[in-house]
């Protein structure tokens, strides 16, 4: 259960990041958090989509933040604008622009397909054409360098990668 102190802390961090006063007047659980808890935070004039999970999973939210920025920078498809990620109380979180979903029409489906095709044609040094989130393999590189110093120990599977591999 998420307590109000956690939401208030997130609201204060939103204010600090956006340089706009944000006082939460309503919190609503919403769909969109398969492995996370997901909420809509309502202020007087702004709404934000917030994903919450354990504090130890902050790297997952950092990767999603970076990935959404990388996708947005291609200017090929609309993504929710990432606002910030961080920690509050015993949770890590990601705050995104809140986008109101509407019914998927045939025209919207066609537009989405065209935009995804355009996204997949983008070449960047940090993601290949068929991955939609950037892949940051620094964790692996750091681990490999450290492991070379201790060659006698077997290399365990990495606990986390700062990157999401999401292939369409």
Protein backbone atom coordinates (compact mmCIF):
# COMPACT_ATOMS: atom_id res chain seq x y z
CA UNK A 1 0.00 0.00 0.00
CA UNK A 2 1.36 3.40 -0.98
CA UNK A 3 0.99 6.01 1.73
CA UNK A 4 0.15 9.68 1.25
CA UNK A 5 3.65 10.74 2.35
CA UNK A 6 5.07 8.97 -0.71
CA UNK A 7 2.72 10.83 -3.04
CA UNK A 8 3.42 14.15 -1.30
CA UNK A 9 7.17 13.57 -1.72
CA UNK A 10 6.68 12.79 -5.41
CA UNK A 11 4.53 15.93 -5.78
CA UNK A 12 7.30 18.04 -4.22
CA UNK A 13 9.84 16.52 -6.61
CA UNK A 14 7.54 17.26 -9.56
CA UNK A 15 7.35 20.91 -8.40
CA UNK A 16 11.13 21.13 -8.11
CA UNK A 17 11.68 19.60 -11.56
CA UNK A 18 9.01 21.54 -13.46
CA UNK A 19 9.51 24.79 -11.49
CA UNK A 20 5.72 24.92 -11.15
CA UNK A 21 3.74 24.50 -7.96
CA UNK A 22 2.10 21.07 -7.92
CA UNK A 23 -0.20 20.20 -5.05
CA UNK A 24 -1.92 16.84 -5.34
CA UNK A 25 -5.69 17.12 -5.01
CA UNK A 26 -6.51 13.55 -6.14
CA UNK A 27 -4.73 10.24 -6.60
CA UNK A 28 -6.28 7.53 -8.72
CA UNK A 29 -5.04 4.00 -9.40
CA UNK A 30 -4.93 3.44 -13.17
CA UNK A 31 -4.07 0.69 -15.65
CA UNK A 32 -0.64 0.68 -17.22
CA UNK A 33 1.58 -0.81 -14.59
CA UNK A 34 2.00 -4.49 -15.39
CA UNK A 35 4.91 -4.94 -12.99
CA UNK A 36 4.49 -1.60 -11.24
CA UNK A 37 1.73 0.20 -9.42
CA UNK A 38 0.37 2.96 -11.64
CA UNK A 39 -1.40 6.15 -10.62
CA UNK A 40 -2.71 9.39 -12.02
CA UNK A 41 -1.83 12.35 -9.82
CA UNK A 42 -4.21 15.27 -10.26
CA UNK A 43 -3.22 18.82 -9.39
CA UNK A 44 -5.19 22.03 -9.86
CA UNK A 45 -4.26 22.26 -13.56
CA UNK A 46 -1.88 19.37 -14.22
CA UNK A 47 -2.09 15.58 -14.28
CA UNK A 48 0.80 13.12 -14.24
CA UNK A 49 1.11 9.37 -14.76
CA UNK A 50 3.26 7.78 -12.04
CA UNK A 51 4.71 4.27 -11.90
CA UNK A 52 5.90 2.99 -8.52
CA UNK A 53 7.92 -0.02 -7.45
CA UNK A 54 10.55 -1.02 -4.89
CA UNK A 55 13.39 1.45 -4.31
CA UNK A 56 15.90 -1.12 -5.57
CA UNK A 57 14.36 -0.93 -9.06
CA UNK A 58 15.29 2.69 -9.73
CA UNK A 59 17.61 1.62 -12.60
CA UNK A 60 14.57 0.21 -14.42
CA UNK A 61 12.89 3.61 -14.25
CA UNK A 62 16.12 5.39 -15.25
CA UNK A 63 16.28 3.18 -18.34
CA UNK A 64 12.66 3.85 -19.23
CA UNK A 65 13.21 7.59 -18.72
CA UNK A 66 16.25 7.51 -21.05
CA UNK A 67 14.45 5.29 -23.55
CA UNK A 68 11.38 7.51 -23.77
CA UNK A 69 13.59 10.56 -24.26
CA UNK A 70 15.51 8.74 -27.02
CA UNK A 71 12.27 7.80 -28.76
CA UNK A 72 10.86 11.34 -28.39
CA UNK A 73 14.06 12.80 -29.84
CA UNK A 74 13.48 10.87 -33.09
CA UNK A 75 10.31 12.96 -33.56
CA UNK A 76 8.66 9.96 -35.21
CA UNK A 77 5.99 8.93 -32.70
CA UNK A 78 4.23 10.50 -29.74
CA UNK A 79 5.44 9.22 -26.40
CA UNK A 80 4.53 10.38 -22.94
CA UNK A 81 7.05 13.06 -21.98
CA UNK A 82 9.19 11.82 -19.10
CA UNK A 83 9.26 14.35 -16.25
CA UNK A 84 11.52 12.69 -13.67
CA UNK A 85 12.41 9.49 -11.90
CA UNK A 86 13.61 9.08 -8.36
CA UNK A 87 12.92 7.69 -4.94
CA UNK A 88 10.34 8.56 -2.32
CA UNK A 89 9.98 6.78 0.99
CA UNK A 90 10.66 3.08 0.22
CA UNK A 91 9.71 3.32 -3.46
CA UNK A 92 11.29 4.24 -6.76
CA UNK A 93 9.11 6.01 -9.28
CA UNK A 94 8.81 7.38 -12.80
CA UNK A 95 6.66 10.43 -13.56
CA UNK A 96 5.36 10.90 -17.10
CA UNK A 97 3.07 13.27 -18.89
CA UNK A 98 -0.49 12.00 -18.48
CA UNK A 99 -2.06 11.14 -21.81
CA UNK A 100 -5.78 10.54 -21.97
CA UNK A 101 -6.44 7.47 -24.08
CA UNK A 102 -9.23 7.43 -26.61
CA UNK A 103 -10.79 4.70 -28.70
CA UNK A 104 -8.46 3.18 -31.30
CA UNK A 105 -9.94 3.97 -34.72
CA UNK A 106 -8.77 2.52 -38.05
CA UNK A 107 -7.16 5.89 -38.85
CA UNK A 108 -5.34 5.93 -35.51
CA UNK A 109 -4.15 2.34 -36.08
CA UNK A 110 -2.80 3.27 -39.52
CA UNK A 111 -1.05 6.36 -38.11
CA UNK A 112 0.48 4.30 -35.30
CA UNK A 113 1.77 1.75 -37.82
CA UNK A 114 3.32 4.46 -39.99
CA UNK A 115 4.93 6.12 -36.96
CA UNK A 116 6.33 2.80 -35.70
CA UNK A 117 7.76 2.10 -39.16
CA UNK A 118 9.41 5.54 -39.14
CA UNK A 119 10.79 4.89 -35.65
CA UNK A 120 12.30 1.59 -36.77
CA UNK A 121 14.09 3.33 -39.64
CA UNK A 122 15.98 5.60 -37.26
CA UNK A 123 19.64 4.71 -36.82
CA UNK A 124 21.33 5.77 -33.62
CA UNK A 125 24.63 4.72 -32.08
CA UNK A 126 22.85 3.43 -29.00
CA UNK A 127 19.99 1.43 -30.47
CA UNK A 128 19.51 -0.60 -33.58
CA UNK A 129 16.53 -0.15 -35.85
CA UNK A 130 14.31 -2.79 -34.27
CA UNK A 131 14.65 -1.91 -30.57
CA UNK A 132 12.32 0.75 -29.29
CA UNK A 133 14.17 1.49 -26.05
CA UNK A 134 17.78 2.52 -26.02
CA UNK A 135 20.15 -0.05 -24.68
CA UNK A 136 22.74 1.14 -22.24
CA UNK A 137 25.28 -1.60 -21.80
CA UNK A 138 27.53 0.36 -19.47
CA UNK A 139 26.56 -1.93 -16.60
CA UNK A 140 27.79 -4.94 -18.56
CA UNK A 141 31.00 -3.18 -19.57
CA UNK A 142 31.68 -2.10 -15.98
CA UNK A 143 31.00 -5.60 -14.74
CA UNK A 144 33.28 -7.16 -17.38
CA UNK A 145 36.17 -4.85 -16.44
CA UNK A 146 35.70 -5.64 -12.76
CA UNK A 147 35.42 -9.36 -13.46
CA UNK A 148 38.71 -9.40 -15.39
CA UNK A 149 40.42 -8.52 -12.11
CA UNK A 150 38.88 -11.63 -10.52
CA UNK A 151 39.11 -14.17 -13.34
CA UNK A 152 39.02 -17.11 -10.96
CA UNK A 153 35.39 -16.37 -10.02
CA UNK A 154 32.62 -17.35 -12.43
CA UNK A 155 30.61 -14.51 -13.89
CA UNK A 156 27.07 -14.49 -12.47
CA UNK A 157 24.13 -13.19 -14.46
CA UNK A 158 23.79 -9.40 -14.07
CA UNK A 159 21.07 -8.45 -11.60
CA UNK A 160 19.92 -5.53 -13.71
CA UNK A 161 20.66 -3.73 -16.92
CA UNK A 162 20.07 -0.06 -17.43
CA UNK A 163 18.10 -0.68 -20.56
CA UNK A 164 14.97 -2.39 -21.69
CA UNK A 165 15.05 -4.83 -24.54
CA UNK A 166 11.70 -4.51 -26.20
CA UNK A 167 11.52 -5.81 -29.71
CA UNK A 168 8.48 -5.45 -31.95
